[in-house]
Amino acid sequence: MLTQAIINQPQAAILAMDAVVKRAVVVDDAIAIRPIMNLGLSFDHRINDGLQATRFLRKVKDLLETIDDTGSLM
């Protein structure tokens, strides 16, 4: 199931994050189990350009994928 957030005035955008679940994905032509999370971005087209919104969502994705979960939070 995918979450789709609804923006309310005066919001310009809202990011929805679904739960992290383990799913089968293809990695280097092999099937592997990986944690997957869906991101959904709803935004007001009168305020934000689709290209900017896509770049923002891509940056969030890249940052989440590069988190070192073995490091400390400090």
Protein backbone atom coordinates (compact mmCIF):
# COMPACT_ATOMS: atom_id res chain seq x y z
CA MET A 1 0.00 0.00 0.00
CA LEU A 2 1.28 3.46 -0.87
CA THR A 3 0.70 6.61 1.13
CA GLN A 4 -0.32 9.77 -0.67
CA ALA A 5 -0.28 12.88 1.48
CA ILE A 6 -2.72 15.74 0.95
CA ILE A 7 -1.40 19.26 1.34
CA ASN A 8 -3.47 21.92 3.06
CA GLN A 9 -3.10 25.66 2.67
CA PRO A 10 -0.64 27.30 3.35
CA GLN A 11 1.56 24.20 2.87
CA ALA A 12 3.67 24.10 -0.28
CA ALA A 13 4.62 20.41 -0.05
CA ILE A 14 4.56 17.37 2.21
CA LEU A 15 6.73 14.26 2.22
CA ALA A 16 5.15 10.94 3.17
CA MET A 17 7.32 8.03 4.26
CA ASP A 18 5.94 4.50 4.43
CA ALA A 19 7.26 1.81 6.75
CA VAL A 20 10.51 0.04 5.97
CA VAL A 21 9.79 -3.54 4.93
CA LYS A 22 11.97 -6.32 3.59
CA ARG A 23 11.32 -7.13 -0.07
CA ALA A 24 12.92 -9.23 -2.76
CA VAL A 25 14.85 -7.08 -5.26
CA VAL A 26 17.26 -7.79 -8.11
CA VAL A 27 20.89 -6.89 -7.28
CA ASP A 28 23.54 -7.68 -9.92
CA ASP A 29 21.27 -10.22 -11.65
CA ALA A 30 20.57 -12.02 -8.37
CA ILE A 31 17.55 -11.92 -6.12
CA ALA A 32 18.28 -10.45 -2.69
CA ILE A 33 16.22 -9.40 0.32
CA ARG A 34 16.63 -5.69 1.07
CA PRO A 35 14.84 -3.15 3.31
CA ILE A 36 12.66 -0.96 1.11
CA MET A 37 10.71 2.21 1.94
CA ASN A 38 8.38 4.17 -0.33
CA LEU A 39 8.61 7.97 -0.39
CA GLY A 40 5.76 10.10 -1.68
CA LEU A 41 5.98 13.83 -2.28
CA SER A 42 2.83 15.89 -2.76
CA PHE A 43 3.35 19.51 -3.73
CA ASP A 44 1.49 22.56 -4.98
CA HIS A 45 2.36 23.06 -8.66
CA ARG A 46 1.53 26.75 -8.34
CA ILE A 47 4.43 27.17 -5.90
CA ASN A 48 6.91 24.40 -6.74
CA ASP A 49 8.22 23.26 -10.09
CA GLY A 50 8.11 19.52 -10.73
CA LEU A 51 11.83 19.47 -11.56
CA GLN A 52 12.73 21.03 -8.20
CA ALA A 53 10.45 18.61 -6.37
CA THR A 54 12.01 15.65 -8.17
CA ARG A 55 15.53 16.86 -7.36
CA PHE A 56 14.56 17.24 -3.70
CA LEU A 57 13.11 13.74 -3.55
CA ARG A 58 16.21 12.31 -5.27
CA LYS A 59 18.46 14.07 -2.71
CA VAL A 60 16.43 12.64 0.19
CA LYS A 61 16.69 9.17 -1.38
CA ASP A 62 20.45 9.48 -1.87
CA LEU A 63 20.96 10.68 1.73
CA LEU A 64 18.88 7.83 3.16
CA GLU A 65 20.74 5.24 1.08
CA THR A 66 24.15 6.45 2.26
CA ILE A 67 23.45 6.42 6.00
CA ASP A 68 26.05 4.41 7.92
CA ASP A 69 23.91 2.46 10.34
CA THR A 70 26.97 1.16 12.19
CA GLY A 71 28.12 4.65 13.20
CA SER A 72 27.08 6.63 16.24
CA LEU A 73 24.38 9.29 16.18
CA MET A 74 26.71 11.94 17.64
